[in-house]
């Protein structure tokens, strides 16, 4: 069940995808410069798509690369989605 990430915000490094009733977001943060501030890397999070609740950070975040963050999201959807 692949997730198709697309860039959500034109001028910021934010990608999102949804599948099986769950929403996933990957954002890039760094200590300085434009965008989100914090530890350098790609922060991955998820939340139920139809519930109004806070997102849950995926363990291991922040990741060094976007590909690593996408892989963590794929692993999470395998655990969350009904079989």
PDB file of N, CA and C in Angstrom:
ATOM      1  N   UNK A   1       0.831  -1.178   0.000  1.00  0.00           N
ATOM      2  CA  UNK A   1       0.000   0.000   0.000  1.00  0.00           C
ATOM      3  C   UNK A   1       0.877   1.244   0.000  1.00  0.00           C
ATOM      4  N   UNK A   2       1.359   1.648  -1.156  1.00  0.00           N
ATOM      5  CA  UNK A   2       2.277   2.793  -1.219  1.00  0.00           C
ATOM      6  C   UNK A   2       1.574   4.108  -0.900  1.00  0.00           C
ATOM      7  N   UNK A   3       2.327   4.994  -0.285  1.00  0.00           N
ATOM      8  CA  UNK A   3       1.861   6.358  -0.044  1.00  0.00           C
ATOM      9  C   UNK A   3       2.445   7.241  -1.133  1.00  0.00           C
ATOM     10  N   UNK A   4       1.640   8.092  -1.719  1.00  0.00           N
ATOM     11  CA  UNK A   4       2.103   9.029  -2.736  1.00  0.00           C
ATOM     12  C   UNK A   4       2.260  10.397  -2.083  1.00  0.00           C
ATOM     13  N   UNK A   5       3.483  10.782  -1.767  1.00  0.00           N
ATOM     14  CA  UNK A   5       3.723  12.078  -1.155  1.00  0.00           C
ATOM     15  C   UNK A   5       3.783  13.156  -2.223  1.00  0.00           C
ATOM     16  N   UNK A   6       3.206  14.294  -1.921  1.00  0.00           N
ATOM     17  CA  UNK A   6       3.300  15.449  -2.805  1.00  0.00           C
ATOM     18  C   UNK A   6       3.639  16.673  -1.957  1.00  0.00           C
ATOM     19  N   UNK A   7       4.291  17.615  -2.591  1.00  0.00           N
ATOM     20  CA  UNK A   7       4.695  18.829  -1.883  1.00  0.00           C
ATOM     21  C   UNK A   7       3.453  19.669  -1.621  1.00  0.00           C
ATOM     22  N   UNK A   8       3.170  19.933  -0.356  1.00  0.00           N
ATOM     23  CA  UNK A   8       1.929  20.607   0.039  1.00  0.00           C
ATOM     24  C   UNK A   8       2.002  22.122  -0.007  1.00  0.00           C
ATOM     25  N   UNK A   9       3.161  22.660   0.310  1.00  0.00           N
ATOM     26  CA  UNK A   9       3.334  24.116   0.378  1.00  0.00           C
ATOM     27  C   UNK A   9       4.462  24.483  -0.564  1.00  0.00           C
ATOM     28  N   UNK A  10       4.193  25.402  -1.455  1.00  0.00           N
ATOM     29  CA  UNK A  10       5.136  25.723  -2.526  1.00  0.00           C
ATOM     30  C   UNK A  10       6.494  26.206  -2.032  1.00  0.00           C
ATOM     31  N   UNK A  11       6.530  27.079  -1.056  1.00  0.00           N
ATOM     32  CA  UNK A  11       7.787  27.701  -0.643  1.00  0.00           C
ATOM     33  C   UNK A  11       8.404  27.086   0.608  1.00  0.00           C
ATOM     34  N   UNK A  12       7.858  25.956   1.052  1.00  0.00           N
ATOM     35  CA  UNK A  12       8.397  25.286   2.232  1.00  0.00           C
ATOM     36  C   UNK A  12       8.537  23.796   1.934  1.00  0.00           C
ATOM     37  N   UNK A  13       9.433  23.152   2.645  1.00  0.00           N
ATOM     38  CA  UNK A  13       9.634  21.723   2.452  1.00  0.00           C
ATOM     39  C   UNK A  13       8.658  20.957   3.335  1.00  0.00           C
ATOM     40  N   UNK A  14       7.433  20.792   2.808  1.00  0.00           N
ATOM     41  CA  UNK A  14       6.379  20.042   3.482  1.00  0.00           C
ATOM     42  C   UNK A  14       5.737  19.117   2.454  1.00  0.00           C
ATOM     43  N   UNK A  15       5.683  17.834   2.772  1.00  0.00           N
ATOM     44  CA  UNK A  15       5.076  16.838   1.896  1.00  0.00           C
ATOM     45  C   UNK A  15       3.958  16.149   2.671  1.00  0.00           C
ATOM     46  N   UNK A  16       2.914  15.743   1.971  1.00  0.00           N
ATOM     47  CA  UNK A  16       1.826  15.035   2.638  1.00  0.00           C
ATOM     48  C   UNK A  16       1.305  13.914   1.758  1.00  0.00           C
ATOM     49  N   UNK A  17       0.666  12.959   2.423  1.00  0.00           N
ATOM     50  CA  UNK A  17       0.048  11.827   1.747  1.00  0.00           C
ATOM     51  C   UNK A  17      -1.036  11.289   2.664  1.00  0.00           C
ATOM     52  N   UNK A  18      -1.990  10.570   2.088  1.00  0.00           N
ATOM     53  CA  UNK A  18      -3.004   9.919   2.910  1.00  0.00           C
ATOM     54  C   UNK A  18      -3.344   8.567   2.298  1.00  0.00           C
ATOM     55  N   UNK A  19      -3.738   7.652   3.177  1.00  0.00           N
ATOM     56  CA  UNK A  19      -4.101   6.307   2.754  1.00  0.00           C
ATOM     57  C   UNK A  19      -4.826   5.609   3.891  1.00  0.00           C
ATOM     58  N   UNK A  20      -5.835   4.838   3.566  1.00  0.00           N
ATOM     59  CA  UNK A  20      -6.549   4.001   4.524  1.00  0.00           C
ATOM     60  C   UNK A  20      -7.013   4.777   5.759  1.00  0.00           C
ATOM     61  N   UNK A  21      -7.441   6.019   5.575  1.00  0.00           N
ATOM     62  CA  UNK A  21      -7.977   6.803   6.676  1.00  0.00           C
ATOM     63  C   UNK A  21      -6.937   7.475   7.556  1.00  0.00           C
ATOM     64  N   UNK A  22      -5.678   7.533   7.093  1.00  0.00           N
ATOM     65  CA  UNK A  22      -4.615   8.165   7.861  1.00  0.00           C
ATOM     66  C   UNK A  22      -3.915   9.212   7.002  1.00  0.00           C
ATOM     67  N   UNK A  23      -3.496  10.285   7.653  1.00  0.00           N
ATOM     68  CA  UNK A  23      -2.775  11.369   6.993  1.00  0.00           C
ATOM     69  C   UNK A  23      -1.336  11.377   7.498  1.00  0.00           C
ATOM     70  N   UNK A  24      -0.391  11.558   6.585  1.00  0.00           N
ATOM     71  CA  UNK A  24       1.034  11.609   6.913  1.00  0.00           C
ATOM     72  C   UNK A  24       1.613  12.914   6.415  1.00  0.00           C
ATOM     73  N   UNK A  25       2.483  13.511   7.213  1.00  0.00           N
ATOM     74  CA  UNK A  25       3.151  14.758   6.832  1.00  0.00           C
ATOM     75  C   UNK A  25       4.635  14.624   7.145  1.00  0.00           C
ATOM     76  N   UNK A  26       5.456  15.081   6.210  1.00  0.00           N
ATOM     77  CA  UNK A  26       6.905  15.152   6.402  1.00  0.00           C
ATOM     78  C   UNK A  26       7.296  16.612   6.203  1.00  0.00           C
ATOM     79  N   UNK A  27       8.023  17.155   7.161  1.00  0.00           N
ATOM     80  CA  UNK A  27       8.483  18.542   7.046  1.00  0.00           C
ATOM     81  C   UNK A  27       9.974  18.601   7.353  1.00  0.00           C
ATOM     82  N   UNK A  28      10.642  19.567   6.741  1.00  0.00           N
ATOM     83  CA  UNK A  28      12.074  19.722   6.979  1.00  0.00           C
ATOM     84  C   UNK A  28      12.294  20.866   7.944  1.00  0.00           C
ATOM     85  N   UNK A  29      13.126  20.629   8.935  1.00  0.00           N
ATOM     86  CA  UNK A  29      13.461  21.661   9.902  1.00  0.00           C
ATOM     87  C   UNK A  29      14.960  21.853   9.988  1.00  0.00           C
ATOM     88  N   UNK A  30      15.361  23.037  10.397  1.00  0.00           N
ATOM     89  CA  UNK A  30      16.776  23.336  10.612  1.00  0.00           C
ATOM     90  C   UNK A  30      16.875  24.428  11.673  1.00  0.00           C
ATOM     91  N   UNK A  31      18.018  24.554  12.323  1.00  0.00           N
ATOM     92  CA  UNK A  31      18.163  25.560  13.374  1.00  0.00           C
ATOM     93  C   UNK A  31      18.012  26.998  12.882  1.00  0.00           C
ATOM     94  N   UNK A  32      18.355  27.271  11.634  1.00  0.00           N
ATOM     95  CA  UNK A  32      18.261  28.628  11.094  1.00  0.00           C
ATOM     96  C   UNK A  32      17.680  28.599   9.700  1.00  0.00           C
ATOM     97  N   UNK A  33      17.460  29.749   9.135  1.00  0.00           N
ATOM     98  CA  UNK A  33      16.945  29.842   7.776  1.00  0.00           C
ATOM     99  C   UNK A  33      15.434  29.802   7.730  1.00  0.00           C
ATOM    100  N   UNK A  34      14.872  29.743   6.506  1.00  0.00           N
ATOM    101  CA  UNK A  34      13.421  29.750   6.355  1.00  0.00           C
ATOM    102  C   UNK A  34      12.813  28.411   6.776  1.00  0.00           C
ATOM    103  N   UNK A  35      11.539  28.435   7.060  1.00  0.00           N
ATOM    104  CA  UNK A  35      10.833  27.196   7.384  1.00  0.00           C
ATOM    105  C   UNK A  35      10.822  26.907   8.869  1.00  0.00           C
ATOM    106  N   UNK A  36      10.628  25.641   9.192  1.00  0.00           N
ATOM    107  CA  UNK A  36      10.532  25.217  10.586  1.00  0.00           C
ATOM    108  C   UNK A  36      11.899  25.225  11.245  1.00  0.00           C
ATOM    109  N   UNK A  37      11.937  25.626  12.489  1.00  0.00           N
ATOM    110  CA  UNK A  37      13.196  25.661  13.231  1.00  0.00           C
ATOM    111  C   UNK A  37      13.209  24.516  14.231  1.00  0.00           C
ATOM    112  N   UNK A  38      14.368  23.993  14.482  1.00  0.00           N
ATOM    113  CA  UNK A  38      14.551  22.873  15.391  1.00  0.00           C
ATOM    114  C   UNK A  38      15.746  22.069  14.932  1.00  0.00           C
ATOM    115  N   UNK A  39      15.789  20.828  15.348  1.00  0.00           N
ATOM    116  CA  UNK A  39      16.881  19.956  14.911  1.00  0.00           C
ATOM    117  C   UNK A  39      16.813  19.768  13.402  1.00  0.00           C
ATOM    118  N   UNK A  40      17.980  19.694  12.756  1.00  0.00           N
ATOM    119  CA  UNK A  40      18.023  19.502  11.309  1.00  0.00           C
ATOM    120  C   UNK A  40      17.522  18.114  10.944  1.00  0.00           C
ATOM    121  N   UNK A  41      16.694  18.058   9.921  1.00  0.00           N
ATOM    122  CA  UNK A  41      16.224  16.782   9.408  1.00  0.00           C
ATOM    123  C   UNK A  41      14.756  16.816   9.039  1.00  0.00           C
ATOM    124  N   UNK A  42      14.272  15.656   8.612  1.00  0.00           N
ATOM    125  CA  UNK A  42      12.904  15.487   8.136  1.00  0.00           C
ATOM    126  C   UNK A  42      12.062  14.865   9.239  1.00  0.00           C
ATOM    127  N   UNK A  43      11.083  15.606   9.725  1.00  0.00           N
ATOM    128  CA  UNK A  43      10.192  15.149  10.775  1.00  0.00           C
ATOM    129  C   UNK A  43       8.968  14.517  10.125  1.00  0.00           C
ATOM    130  N   UNK A  44       8.666  13.275  10.497  1.00  0.00           N
ATOM    131  CA  UNK A  44       7.511  12.562   9.960  1.00  0.00           C
ATOM    132  C   UNK A  44       6.470  12.391  11.059  1.00  0.00           C
ATOM    133  N   UNK A  45       5.209  12.581  10.701  1.00  0.00           N
ATOM    134  CA  UNK A  45       4.126  12.417  11.661  1.00  0.00           C
ATOM    135  C   UNK A  45       2.885  11.866  10.965  1.00  0.00           C
ATOM    136  N   UNK A  46       1.944  11.358  11.764  1.00  0.00           N
ATOM    137  CA  UNK A  46       0.701  10.827  11.221  1.00  0.00           C
ATOM    138  C   UNK A  46      -0.445  11.168  12.173  1.00  0.00           C
ATOM    139  N   UNK A  47      -1.662  11.064  11.648  1.00  0.00           N
ATOM    140  CA  UNK A  47      -2.869  11.194  12.454  1.00  0.00           C
ATOM    141  C   UNK A  47      -4.023  10.579  11.680  1.00  0.00           C
ATOM    142  N   UNK A  48      -5.086  10.179  12.391  1.00  0.00           N
ATOM    143  CA  UNK A  48      -6.273   9.698  11.682  1.00  0.00           C
ATOM    144  C   UNK A  48      -6.828  10.824  10.812  1.00  0.00           C
ATOM    145  N   UNK A  49      -7.248  10.487   9.631  1.00  0.00           N
ATOM    146  CA  UNK A  49      -7.703  11.481   8.662  1.00  0.00           C
ATOM    147  C   UNK A  49      -9.005  12.156   9.073  1.00  0.00           C
ATOM    148  N   UNK A  50      -9.922  11.430   9.681  1.00  0.00           N
ATOM    149  CA  UNK A  50     -11.247  11.977   9.957  1.00  0.00           C
ATOM    150  C   UNK A  50     -11.486  12.314  11.423  1.00  0.00           C
ATOM    151  N   UNK A  51     -10.465  12.250  12.246  1.00  0.00           N
ATOM    152  CA  UNK A  51     -10.581  12.650  13.647  1.00  0.00           C
ATOM    153  C   UNK A  51      -9.813  13.937  13.846  1.00  0.00           C
ATOM    154  N   UNK A  52     -10.359  14.813  14.630  1.00  0.00           N
ATOM    155  CA  UNK A  52      -9.687  16.079  14.896  1.00  0.00           C
ATOM    156  C   UNK A  52      -8.779  15.900  16.111  1.00  0.00           C
ATOM    157  N   UNK A  53      -7.606  15.339  15.875  1.00  0.00           N
ATOM    158  CA  UNK A  53      -6.652  15.158  16.968  1.00  0.00           C
ATOM    159  C   UNK A  53      -5.254  15.522  16.495  1.00  0.00           C
ATOM    160  N   UNK A  54      -4.376  15.731  17.455  1.00  0.00           N
ATOM    161  CA  UNK A  54      -3.005  16.137  17.148  1.00  0.00           C
ATOM    162  C   UNK A  54      -2.253  15.024  16.420  1.00  0.00           C
ATOM    163  N   UNK A  55      -1.267  15.428  15.648  1.00  0.00           N
ATOM    164  CA  UNK A  55      -0.424  14.470  14.937  1.00  0.00           C
ATOM    165  C   UNK A  55       0.521  13.784  15.919  1.00  0.00           C
ATOM    166  N   UNK A  56       0.939  12.589  15.551  1.00  0.00           N
ATOM    167  CA  UNK A  56       1.852  11.787  16.362  1.00  0.00           C
ATOM    168  C   UNK A  56       3.165  11.655  15.604  1.00  0.00           C
ATOM    169  N   UNK A  57       4.251  12.051  16.254  1.00  0.00           N
ATOM    170  CA  UNK A  57       5.570  11.972  15.620  1.00  0.00           C
ATOM    171  C   UNK A  57       5.972  10.507  15.454  1.00  0.00           C
ATOM    172  N   UNK A  58       6.533  10.184  14.300  1.00  0.00           N
ATOM    173  CA  UNK A  58       7.006   8.828  14.030  1.00  0.00           C
ATOM    174  C   UNK A  58       8.395   8.673  14.633  1.00  0.00           C
ATOM    175  N   UNK A  59       8.585   7.589  15.372  1.00  0.00           N
ATOM    176  CA  UNK A  59       9.854   7.319  16.037  1.00  0.00           C
ATOM    177  C   UNK A  59      11.024   7.367  15.070  1.00  0.00           C
ATOM    178  N   UNK A  60      12.115   7.934  15.519  1.00  0.00           N
ATOM    179  CA  UNK A  60      13.301   8.083  14.688  1.00  0.00           C
ATOM    180  C   UNK A  60      13.437   9.461  14.077  1.00  0.00           C
ATOM    181  N   UNK A  61      12.346  10.246  14.104  1.00  0.00           N
ATOM    182  CA  UNK A  61      12.382  11.599  13.554  1.00  0.00           C
ATOM    183  C   UNK A  61      13.247  12.484  14.440  1.00  0.00           C
ATOM    184  N   UNK A  62      13.974  13.413  13.875  1.00  0.00           N
ATOM    185  CA  UNK A  62      14.081  13.712  12.448  1.00  0.00           C
ATOM    186  C   UNK A  62      15.043  12.757  11.731  1.00  0.00           C
ATOM    187  N   UNK A  63      14.722  12.506  10.465  1.00  0.00           N
ATOM    188  CA  UNK A  63      15.520  11.621   9.619  1.00  0.00           C
ATOM    189  C   UNK A  63      16.486  12.448   8.779  1.00  0.00           C
ATOM    190  N   UNK A  64      17.595  11.823   8.373  1.00  0.00           N
ATOM    191  CA  UNK A  64      18.598  12.540   7.569  1.00  0.00           C
ATOM    192  C   UNK A  64      18.092  12.878   6.177  1.00  0.00           C
ATOM    193  N   UNK A  65      17.309  11.966   5.577  1.00  0.00           N
ATOM    194  CA  UNK A  65      16.869  12.175   4.194  1.00  0.00           C
ATOM    195  C   UNK A  65      15.354  12.049   4.084  1.00  0.00           C
ATOM    196  N   UNK A  66      14.818  12.625   3.029  1.00  0.00           N
ATOM    197  CA  UNK A  66      13.396  12.507   2.739  1.00  0.00           C
ATOM    198  C   UNK A  66      13.026  11.040   2.512  1.00  0.00           C
ATOM    199  N   UNK A  67      13.887  10.303   1.833  1.00  0.00           N
ATOM    200  CA  UNK A  67      13.618   8.880   1.562  1.00  0.00           C
ATOM    201  C   UNK A  67      13.489   8.082   2.862  1.00  0.00           C
ATOM    202  N   UNK A  68      14.330   8.379   3.853  1.00  0.00           N
ATOM    203  CA  UNK A  68      14.234   7.693   5.148  1.00  0.00           C
ATOM    204  C   UNK A  68      12.907   8.028   5.834  1.00  0.00           C
ATOM    205  N   UNK A  69      12.484   9.272   5.763  1.00  0.00           N
ATOM    206  CA  UNK A  69      11.219   9.682   6.369  1.00  0.00           C
ATOM    207  C   UNK A  69      10.044   9.000   5.662  1.00  0.00           C
ATOM    208  N   UNK A  70      10.090   8.927   4.338  1.00  0.00           N
ATOM    209  CA  UNK A  70       9.035   8.238   3.581  1.00  0.00           C
ATOM    210  C   UNK A  70       8.980   6.769   3.973  1.00  0.00           C
ATOM    211  N   UNK A  71      10.138   6.141   4.118  1.00  0.00           N
ATOM    212  CA  UNK A  71      10.193   4.735   4.517  1.00  0.00           C
ATOM    213  C   UNK A  71       9.574   4.508   5.889  1.00  0.00           C
ATOM    214  N   UNK A  72       9.821   5.427   6.813  1.00  0.00           N
ATOM    215  CA  UNK A  72       9.233   5.321   8.151  1.00  0.00           C
ATOM    216  C   UNK A  72       7.706   5.442   8.074  1.00  0.00           C
ATOM    217  N   UNK A  73       7.215   6.309   7.203  1.00  0.00           N
ATOM    218  CA  UNK A  73       5.767   6.449   7.027  1.00  0.00           C
ATOM    219  C   UNK A  73       5.172   5.171   6.431  1.00  0.00           C
ATOM    220  N   UNK A  74       5.865   4.578   5.480  1.00  0.00           N
ATOM    221  CA  UNK A  74       5.389   3.323   4.887  1.00  0.00           C
ATOM    222  C   UNK A  74       5.331   2.214   5.935  1.00  0.00           C
ATOM    223  N   UNK A  75       6.340   2.145   6.785  1.00  0.00           N
ATOM    224  CA  UNK A  75       6.323   1.145   7.858  1.00  0.00           C
ATOM    225  C   UNK A  75       5.153   1.396   8.803  1.00  0.00           C
ATOM    226  N   UNK A  76       4.872   2.645   9.117  1.00  0.00           N
ATOM    227  CA  UNK A  76       3.787   2.974  10.038  1.00  0.00           C
ATOM    228  C   UNK A  76       2.422   2.609   9.445  1.00  0.00           C
ATOM    229  N   UNK A  77       2.202   2.892   8.165  1.00  0.00           N
ATOM    230  CA  UNK A  77       0.895   2.576   7.567  1.00  0.00           C
ATOM    231  C   UNK A  77       0.677   1.071   7.531  1.00  0.00           C
ATOM    232  N   UNK A  78       1.736   0.293   7.402  1.00  0.00           N
ATOM    233  CA  UNK A  78       1.592  -1.167   7.447  1.00  0.00           C
ATOM    234  C   UNK A  78       1.081  -1.618   8.807  1.00  0.00           C
ATOM    235  N   UNK A  79       1.458  -0.921   9.878  1.00  0.00           N
ATOM    236  CA  UNK A  79       0.985  -1.272  11.219  1.00  0.00           C
ATOM    237  C   UNK A  79      -0.410  -0.733  11.506  1.00  0.00           C
ATOM    238  N   UNK A  80      -0.745   0.406  10.903  1.00  0.00           N
ATOM    239  CA  UNK A  80      -2.023   1.062  11.194  1.00  0.00           C
ATOM    240  C   UNK A  80      -3.190   0.539  10.374  1.00  0.00           C
ATOM    241  N   UNK A  81      -2.951   0.240   9.107  1.00  0.00           N
ATOM    242  CA  UNK A  81      -4.040  -0.101   8.181  1.00  0.00           C
ATOM    243  C   UNK A  81      -4.562  -1.510   8.444  1.00  0.00           C
ATOM    244  N   UNK A  82      -5.860  -1.683   8.305  1.00  0.00           N
ATOM    245  CA  UNK A  82      -6.428  -3.022   8.474  1.00  0.00           C
ATOM    246  C   UNK A  82      -5.936  -3.953   7.371  1.00  0.00           C
ATOM    247  N   UNK A  83      -5.769  -5.164   7.717  1.00  0.00           N
ATOM    248  CA  UNK A  83      -5.270  -6.159   6.736  1.00  0.00           C
ATOM    249  C   UNK A  83      -6.393  -6.843   6.033  1.00  0.00           C
TER     250      UNK A  83
END
